[in-house]
Amino acid sequence: MTKSDNGKDVTLRIAQQPEADELLGRSALAALVGMLLDQQVPMEWAFTGPYTLAQRMGGDDLDAHEIAAHDPDAFTALFTEKPALHRYPGSMAKRVQQLCQYLVEEYDGEASAVWADAATGAELLERLNALPGFGTQKAQIFLALLGKQFGVKPTGWREAAGPYGEAGSHRSVADITGPESLAEVRAHKQEAKAAAKARKTAGTGASGKPGAKK
């Protein structure tokens, strides 16, 4: 395990699979790749992906230089091999390779350099948001994960992470520390999705047109 900023071992319970979680805790690149994969699939599936990918590449960790230089078709094959690493293995393989190419170009392939010397939460958010495949929401969630579980806490990190940085919240992967919190986060996501659907239905009205009255 790597050490967090407070000197303690990082122990994660996101993938709900010991070997996969161990890799996430010691590998900055694995954590970034897991976050990148965390869309349109269950969180456990996404964050187990880095471990499965490392195994298929014949190692016990991921290397940005190796992935960046990998033949694109061969790399896609690693994702599509059953069981597939994602619901959309082809497009996600491309995104992971683009992420690693960016890390090689901007940070000499060292994923942890993205946050190692960030002076403020706002600066860190800007760096994360610049990563291929990371929009504002994904960047804020990962920032919250860094602060809550990796001990990476530059000044103003909670504010930069928005609602995901709130203490005691159960909004995202940043708040998962075991099966119970995973269930709470999943319930929150389902409630938010239902609320959004209800707002959309209310705004559409009975005629099916926006703004129509019943």
C-alpha atoms as a PDB file:
ATOM      1  CA  MET A   1       0.000   0.000   0.000  1.00  0.00           C
ATOM      2  CA  THR A   2       1.111   3.524  -0.645  1.00  0.00           C
ATOM      3  CA  LYS A   3       1.070   6.089   2.141  1.00  0.00           C
ATOM      4  CA  SER A   4      -1.416   8.917   2.246  1.00  0.00           C
ATOM      5  CA  ASP A   5      -0.380  12.464   3.098  1.00  0.00           C
ATOM      6  CA  ASN A   6      -1.020  11.759   6.772  1.00  0.00           C
ATOM      7  CA  GLY A   7       1.367   8.816   6.732  1.00  0.00           C
ATOM      8  CA  LYS A   8      -1.243   6.092   7.008  1.00  0.00           C
ATOM      9  CA  ASP A   9      -1.762   3.211   4.628  1.00  0.00           C
ATOM     10  CA  VAL A  10      -4.516   3.759   2.076  1.00  0.00           C
ATOM     11  CA  THR A  11      -7.080   0.988   2.345  1.00  0.00           C
ATOM     12  CA  LEU A  12     -10.013   1.179  -0.038  1.00  0.00           C
ATOM     13  CA  ARG A  13     -13.277  -0.750  -0.223  1.00  0.00           C
ATOM     14  CA  ILE A  14     -14.610   0.535  -3.526  1.00  0.00           C
ATOM     15  CA  ALA A  15     -14.319  -2.472  -5.841  1.00  0.00           C
ATOM     16  CA  GLN A  16     -15.503  -4.799  -3.058  1.00  0.00           C
ATOM     17  CA  GLN A  17     -12.799  -7.191  -4.232  1.00  0.00           C
ATOM     18  CA  PRO A  18      -9.631  -7.363  -2.096  1.00  0.00           C
ATOM     19  CA  GLU A  19      -7.038  -7.613  -4.857  1.00  0.00           C
ATOM     20  CA  ALA A  20      -8.675  -4.877  -6.923  1.00  0.00           C
ATOM     21  CA  ASP A  21      -9.010  -2.576  -3.916  1.00  0.00           C
ATOM     22  CA  GLU A  22      -5.392  -3.203  -2.923  1.00  0.00           C
ATOM     23  CA  LEU A  23      -4.261  -2.059  -6.367  1.00  0.00           C
ATOM     24  CA  LEU A  24      -6.433   1.064  -6.183  1.00  0.00           C
ATOM     25  CA  GLY A  25      -4.885   1.917  -2.827  1.00  0.00           C
ATOM     26  CA  ARG A  26      -1.265   1.721  -4.018  1.00  0.00           C
ATOM     27  CA  SER A  27      -1.529   2.825  -7.647  1.00  0.00           C
ATOM     28  CA  ALA A  28      -2.452   6.388  -8.576  1.00  0.00           C
ATOM     29  CA  LEU A  29      -2.939   5.383 -12.206  1.00  0.00           C
ATOM     30  CA  ALA A  30      -5.251   2.517 -11.268  1.00  0.00           C
ATOM     31  CA  ALA A  31      -7.388   4.922  -9.242  1.00  0.00           C
ATOM     32  CA  LEU A  32      -7.579   7.373 -12.152  1.00  0.00           C
ATOM     33  CA  VAL A  33      -8.473   4.612 -14.617  1.00  0.00           C
ATOM     34  CA  GLY A  34     -11.156   3.285 -12.271  1.00  0.00           C
ATOM     35  CA  MET A  35     -12.656   6.759 -12.038  1.00  0.00           C
ATOM     36  CA  LEU A  36     -12.570   7.095 -15.818  1.00  0.00           C
ATOM     37  CA  LEU A  37     -14.402   3.781 -16.231  1.00  0.00           C
ATOM     38  CA  ASP A  38     -17.035   4.756 -13.659  1.00  0.00           C
ATOM     39  CA  GLN A  39     -19.892   5.629 -15.991  1.00  0.00           C
ATOM     40  CA  GLN A  40     -22.858   3.614 -17.204  1.00  0.00           C
ATOM     41  CA  VAL A  41     -21.704   0.533 -15.272  1.00  0.00           C
ATOM     42  CA  PRO A  42     -21.888  -0.467 -11.585  1.00  0.00           C
ATOM     43  CA  MET A  43     -19.153   1.153  -9.500  1.00  0.00           C
ATOM     44  CA  GLU A  44     -17.687  -2.200  -8.466  1.00  0.00           C
ATOM     45  CA  TRP A  45     -17.336  -3.214 -12.126  1.00  0.00           C
ATOM     46  CA  ALA A  46     -15.601   0.057 -13.020  1.00  0.00           C
ATOM     47  CA  PHE A  47     -13.107  -0.018 -10.156  1.00  0.00           C
ATOM     48  CA  THR A  48     -12.270  -3.705 -10.634  1.00  0.00           C
ATOM     49  CA  GLY A  49     -11.320  -2.853 -14.218  1.00  0.00           C
ATOM     50  CA  PRO A  50      -7.776  -1.609 -13.481  1.00  0.00           C
ATOM     51  CA  TYR A  51      -6.883  -4.851 -11.687  1.00  0.00           C
ATOM     52  CA  THR A  52      -8.269  -6.998 -14.501  1.00  0.00           C
ATOM     53  CA  LEU A  53      -6.458  -4.864 -17.082  1.00  0.00           C
ATOM     54  CA  ALA A  54      -3.160  -5.172 -15.206  1.00  0.00           C
ATOM     55  CA  GLN A  55      -3.560  -8.954 -15.128  1.00  0.00           C
ATOM     56  CA  ARG A  56      -4.282  -9.102 -18.849  1.00  0.00           C
ATOM     57  CA  MET A  57      -1.203  -6.994 -19.515  1.00  0.00           C
ATOM     58  CA  GLY A  58       0.889  -9.457 -17.515  1.00  0.00           C
ATOM     59  CA  GLY A  59       1.701  -7.264 -14.519  1.00  0.00           C
ATOM     60  CA  ASP A  60       0.585  -6.297 -11.042  1.00  0.00           C
ATOM     61  CA  ASP A  61       0.179  -2.585 -11.810  1.00  0.00           C
ATOM     62  CA  LEU A  62      -0.571  -0.256 -14.707  1.00  0.00           C
ATOM     63  CA  ASP A  63       2.104   1.755 -16.481  1.00  0.00           C
ATOM     64  CA  ALA A  64       1.121   4.910 -18.352  1.00  0.00           C
ATOM     65  CA  HIS A  65       4.067   4.688 -20.756  1.00  0.00           C
ATOM     66  CA  GLU A  66       3.247   1.086 -21.662  1.00  0.00           C
ATOM     67  CA  ILE A  67      -0.440   1.801 -22.200  1.00  0.00           C
ATOM     68  CA  ALA A  68       0.219   4.981 -24.177  1.00  0.00           C
ATOM     69  CA  ALA A  69       2.537   3.136 -26.585  1.00  0.00           C
ATOM     70  CA  HIS A  70       0.359   0.019 -26.885  1.00  0.00           C
ATOM     71  CA  ASP A  71      -1.051  -0.929 -30.266  1.00  0.00           C
ATOM     72  CA  PRO A  72      -4.618   0.497 -30.217  1.00  0.00           C
ATOM     73  CA  ASP A  73      -6.255  -2.624 -31.656  1.00  0.00           C
ATOM     74  CA  ALA A  74      -4.403  -4.928 -29.279  1.00  0.00           C
ATOM     75  CA  PHE A  75      -5.294  -2.664 -26.362  1.00  0.00           C
ATOM     76  CA  THR A  76      -8.964  -2.701 -27.346  1.00  0.00           C
ATOM     77  CA  ALA A  77      -8.791  -6.492 -27.436  1.00  0.00           C
ATOM     78  CA  LEU A  78      -7.754  -6.463 -23.776  1.00  0.00           C
ATOM     79  CA  PHE A  79     -10.986  -4.624 -22.986  1.00  0.00           C
ATOM     80  CA  THR A  80     -13.285  -6.727 -25.156  1.00  0.00           C
ATOM     81  CA  GLU A  81     -11.938 -10.082 -23.963  1.00  0.00           C
ATOM     82  CA  LYS A  82     -14.656 -11.752 -21.906  1.00  0.00           C
ATOM     83  CA  PRO A  83     -15.555 -10.752 -19.331  1.00  0.00           C
ATOM     84  CA  ALA A  84     -15.420  -7.303 -20.907  1.00  0.00           C
ATOM     85  CA  LEU A  85     -13.947  -4.514 -18.807  1.00  0.00           C
ATOM     86  CA  HIS A  86     -16.858  -2.195 -19.561  1.00  0.00           C
ATOM     87  CA  ARG A  87     -20.273  -2.072 -21.196  1.00  0.00           C
ATOM     88  CA  TYR A  88     -18.605  -0.090 -23.981  1.00  0.00           C
ATOM     89  CA  PRO A  89     -15.153  -1.703 -24.110  1.00  0.00           C
ATOM     90  CA  GLY A  90     -14.028  -0.221 -27.417  1.00  0.00           C
ATOM     91  CA  SER A  91     -14.688   3.412 -26.588  1.00  0.00           C
ATOM     92  CA  MET A  92     -13.398   3.078 -23.031  1.00  0.00           C
ATOM     93  CA  ALA A  93     -10.183   1.424 -24.193  1.00  0.00           C
ATOM     94  CA  LYS A  94      -9.606   4.443 -26.416  1.00  0.00           C
ATOM     95  CA  ARG A  95     -10.280   6.835 -23.523  1.00  0.00           C
ATOM     96  CA  VAL A  96      -7.903   5.017 -21.170  1.00  0.00           C
ATOM     97  CA  GLN A  97      -5.174   5.121 -23.801  1.00  0.00           C
ATOM     98  CA  GLN A  98      -5.807   8.847 -24.398  1.00  0.00           C
ATOM     99  CA  LEU A  99      -5.599   9.453 -20.631  1.00  0.00           C
ATOM    100  CA  CYS A 100      -2.248   7.677 -20.419  1.00  0.00           C
ATOM    101  CA  GLN A 101      -0.894   9.497 -23.457  1.00  0.00           C
ATOM    102  CA  TYR A 102      -1.813  12.792 -21.791  1.00  0.00           C
ATOM    103  CA  LEU A 103      -0.138  11.726 -18.548  1.00  0.00           C
ATOM    104  CA  VAL A 104       3.036  10.835 -20.441  1.00  0.00           C
ATOM    105  CA  GLU A 105       3.059  14.174 -22.256  1.00  0.00           C
ATOM    106  CA  GLU A 106       2.192  16.384 -19.287  1.00  0.00           C
ATOM    107  CA  TYR A 107       3.429  14.463 -16.217  1.00  0.00           C
ATOM    108  CA  ASP A 108       6.084  12.073 -17.562  1.00  0.00           C
ATOM    109  CA  GLY A 109       3.645   9.206 -17.001  1.00  0.00           C
ATOM    110  CA  GLU A 110       3.375   9.761 -13.232  1.00  0.00           C
ATOM    111  CA  ALA A 111      -0.321   9.885 -12.352  1.00  0.00           C
ATOM    112  CA  SER A 112       0.229  11.092  -8.787  1.00  0.00           C
ATOM    113  CA  ALA A 113       1.998  14.178 -10.147  1.00  0.00           C
ATOM    114  CA  VAL A 114      -1.438  15.484 -11.118  1.00  0.00           C
ATOM    115  CA  TRP A 115      -2.123  16.240  -7.447  1.00  0.00           C
ATOM    116  CA  ALA A 116       1.236  15.950  -5.671  1.00  0.00           C
ATOM    117  CA  ASP A 117       2.063  19.672  -5.723  1.00  0.00           C
ATOM    118  CA  ALA A 118      -1.357  21.244  -6.222  1.00  0.00           C
ATOM    119  CA  ALA A 119      -1.458  24.227  -3.854  1.00  0.00           C
ATOM    120  CA  THR A 120      -5.230  24.674  -3.750  1.00  0.00           C
ATOM    121  CA  GLY A 121      -8.370  22.702  -4.365  1.00  0.00           C
ATOM    122  CA  ALA A 122      -9.208  24.975  -7.282  1.00  0.00           C
ATOM    123  CA  GLU A 123      -5.851  24.255  -8.908  1.00  0.00           C
ATOM    124  CA  LEU A 124      -6.298  20.524  -8.427  1.00  0.00           C
ATOM    125  CA  LEU A 125      -9.808  20.647  -9.869  1.00  0.00           C
ATOM    126  CA  GLU A 126      -8.468  22.461 -12.938  1.00  0.00           C
ATOM    127  CA  ARG A 127      -5.795  19.800 -13.415  1.00  0.00           C
ATOM    128  CA  LEU A 128      -8.273  16.943 -13.055  1.00  0.00           C
ATOM    129  CA  ASN A 129     -10.765  18.627 -15.363  1.00  0.00           C
ATOM    130  CA  ALA A 130      -8.055  18.811 -18.044  1.00  0.00           C
ATOM    131  CA  LEU A 131      -7.609  15.023 -18.058  1.00  0.00           C
ATOM    132  CA  PRO A 132      -9.113  13.284 -21.114  1.00  0.00           C
ATOM    133  CA  GLY A 133     -12.470  11.783 -20.180  1.00  0.00           C
ATOM    134  CA  PHE A 134     -12.841  13.881 -17.026  1.00  0.00           C
ATOM    135  CA  GLY A 135     -15.644  16.423 -17.052  1.00  0.00           C
ATOM    136  CA  THR A 136     -16.345  18.745 -14.126  1.00  0.00           C
ATOM    137  CA  GLN A 137     -18.491  16.260 -12.200  1.00  0.00           C
ATOM    138  CA  LYS A 138     -16.016  13.390 -12.555  1.00  0.00           C
ATOM    139  CA  ALA A 139     -13.166  15.725 -11.610  1.00  0.00           C
ATOM    140  CA  GLN A 140     -15.025  16.878  -8.484  1.00  0.00           C
ATOM    141  CA  ILE A 141     -15.817  13.320  -7.431  1.00  0.00           C
ATOM    142  CA  PHE A 142     -12.204  12.236  -7.843  1.00  0.00           C
ATOM    143  CA  LEU A 143     -11.034  15.323  -5.950  1.00  0.00           C
ATOM    144  CA  ALA A 144     -13.373  14.334  -3.130  1.00  0.00           C
ATOM    145  CA  LEU A 145     -11.997  10.783  -3.235  1.00  0.00           C
ATOM    146  CA  LEU A 146      -8.455  12.117  -2.936  1.00  0.00           C
ATOM    147  CA  GLY A 147      -9.400  14.272   0.039  1.00  0.00           C
ATOM    148  CA  LYS A 148     -11.578  11.795   1.894  1.00  0.00           C
ATOM    149  CA  GLN A 149      -9.624   8.580   1.379  1.00  0.00           C
ATOM    150  CA  PHE A 150      -6.105   9.424   0.158  1.00  0.00           C
ATOM    151  CA  GLY A 151      -5.405  12.321   2.491  1.00  0.00           C
ATOM    152  CA  VAL A 152      -4.749  14.725  -0.405  1.00  0.00           C
ATOM    153  CA  LYS A 153      -6.161  17.925   1.058  1.00  0.00           C
ATOM    154  CA  PRO A 154      -4.926  21.135  -0.541  1.00  0.00           C
ATOM    155  CA  THR A 155      -6.461  24.346   0.776  1.00  0.00           C
ATOM    156  CA  GLY A 156     -10.126  24.596  -0.211  1.00  0.00           C
ATOM    157  CA  TRP A 157     -10.432  21.034  -1.460  1.00  0.00           C
ATOM    158  CA  ARG A 158     -13.918  20.490  -0.042  1.00  0.00           C
ATOM    159  CA  GLU A 159     -15.200  23.670  -1.658  1.00  0.00           C
ATOM    160  CA  ALA A 160     -13.624  22.749  -5.002  1.00  0.00           C
ATOM    161  CA  ALA A 161     -15.222  19.298  -4.832  1.00  0.00           C
ATOM    162  CA  GLY A 162     -18.650  20.890  -4.444  1.00  0.00           C
ATOM    163  CA  PRO A 163     -21.348  18.732  -2.843  1.00  0.00           C
ATOM    164  CA  TYR A 164     -19.115  15.658  -3.203  1.00  0.00           C
ATOM    165  CA  GLY A 165     -16.691  17.159  -0.700  1.00  0.00           C
ATOM    166  CA  GLU A 166     -19.257  17.460   2.082  1.00  0.00           C
ATOM    167  CA  ALA A 167     -18.385  15.544   5.237  1.00  0.00           C
ATOM    168  CA  GLY A 168     -20.766  12.709   6.039  1.00  0.00           C
ATOM    169  CA  SER A 169     -22.336  12.668   2.588  1.00  0.00           C
ATOM    170  CA  HIS A 170     -23.161   9.553   0.588  1.00  0.00           C
ATOM    171  CA  ARG A 171     -23.191  10.966  -2.921  1.00  0.00           C
ATOM    172  CA  SER A 172     -20.395   9.247  -4.785  1.00  0.00           C
ATOM    173  CA  VAL A 173     -17.592   6.718  -4.894  1.00  0.00           C
ATOM    174  CA  ALA A 174     -15.627   9.094  -2.652  1.00  0.00           C
ATOM    175  CA  ASP A 175     -17.898   8.058   0.231  1.00  0.00           C
ATOM    176  CA  ILE A 176     -17.669   4.284  -0.218  1.00  0.00           C
ATOM    177  CA  THR A 177     -15.824   2.557   2.608  1.00  0.00           C
ATOM    178  CA  GLY A 178     -17.615  -0.797   2.595  1.00  0.00           C
ATOM    179  CA  PRO A 179     -20.820  -2.636   1.594  1.00  0.00           C
ATOM    180  CA  GLU A 180     -23.106  -0.479   3.752  1.00  0.00           C
ATOM    181  CA  SER A 181     -21.863   2.859   2.406  1.00  0.00           C
ATOM    182  CA  LEU A 182     -21.943   1.411  -1.113  1.00  0.00           C
ATOM    183  CA  ALA A 183     -25.643   0.664  -0.628  1.00  0.00           C
ATOM    184  CA  GLU A 184     -26.219   4.188   0.731  1.00  0.00           C
ATOM    185  CA  VAL A 185     -24.457   5.802  -2.226  1.00  0.00           C
ATOM    186  CA  ARG A 186     -26.394   3.628  -4.657  1.00  0.00           C
ATOM    187  CA  ALA A 187     -29.666   4.580  -2.950  1.00  0.00           C
ATOM    188  CA  HIS A 188     -28.760   8.273  -3.198  1.00  0.00           C
ATOM    189  CA  LYS A 189     -28.047   7.918  -6.906  1.00  0.00           C
ATOM    190  CA  GLN A 190     -31.382   6.164  -7.473  1.00  0.00           C
ATOM    191  CA  GLU A 191     -33.238   8.868  -5.554  1.00  0.00           C
ATOM    192  CA  ALA A 192     -31.509  11.613  -7.547  1.00  0.00           C
ATOM    193  CA  LYS A 193     -32.332   9.845 -10.795  1.00  0.00           C
ATOM    194  CA  ALA A 194     -35.976   9.448  -9.806  1.00  0.00           C
ATOM    195  CA  ALA A 195     -36.191  13.108  -8.773  1.00  0.00           C
ATOM    196  CA  ALA A 196     -34.703  14.222 -12.088  1.00  0.00           C
ATOM    197  CA  LYS A 197     -37.179  12.050 -13.975  1.00  0.00           C
ATOM    198  CA  ALA A 198     -40.057  13.490 -11.934  1.00  0.00           C
ATOM    199  CA  ARG A 199     -38.933  17.049 -12.696  1.00  0.00           C
ATOM    200  CA  LYS A 200     -38.704  16.250 -16.371  1.00  0.00           C
ATOM    201  CA  THR A 201     -42.183  14.705 -16.369  1.00  0.00           C
ATOM    202  CA  ALA A 202     -43.637  17.687 -14.510  1.00  0.00           C
ATOM    203  CA  GLY A 203     -42.036  20.092 -16.940  1.00  0.00           C
ATOM    204  CA  THR A 204     -43.371  18.224 -19.941  1.00  0.00           C
ATOM    205  CA  GLY A 205     -47.007  18.164 -18.850  1.00  0.00           C
ATOM    206  CA  ALA A 206     -49.814  15.909 -19.958  1.00  0.00           C
ATOM    207  CA  SER A 207     -49.582  16.838 -23.646  1.00  0.00           C
ATOM    208  CA  GLY A 208     -45.969  15.747 -23.810  1.00  0.00           C
ATOM    209  CA  LYS A 209     -44.818  19.266 -24.669  1.00  0.00           C
ATOM    210  CA  PRO A 210     -42.605  21.377 -22.410  1.00  0.00           C
ATOM    211  CA  GLY A 211     -44.534  23.826 -20.296  1.00  0.00           C
ATOM    212  CA  ALA A 212     -47.924  22.260 -21.056  1.00  0.00           C
ATOM    213  CA  LYS A 213     -50.465  22.386 -18.265  1.00  0.00           C
ATOM    214  CA  LYS A 214     -52.593  19.472 -17.137  1.00  0.00           C
END
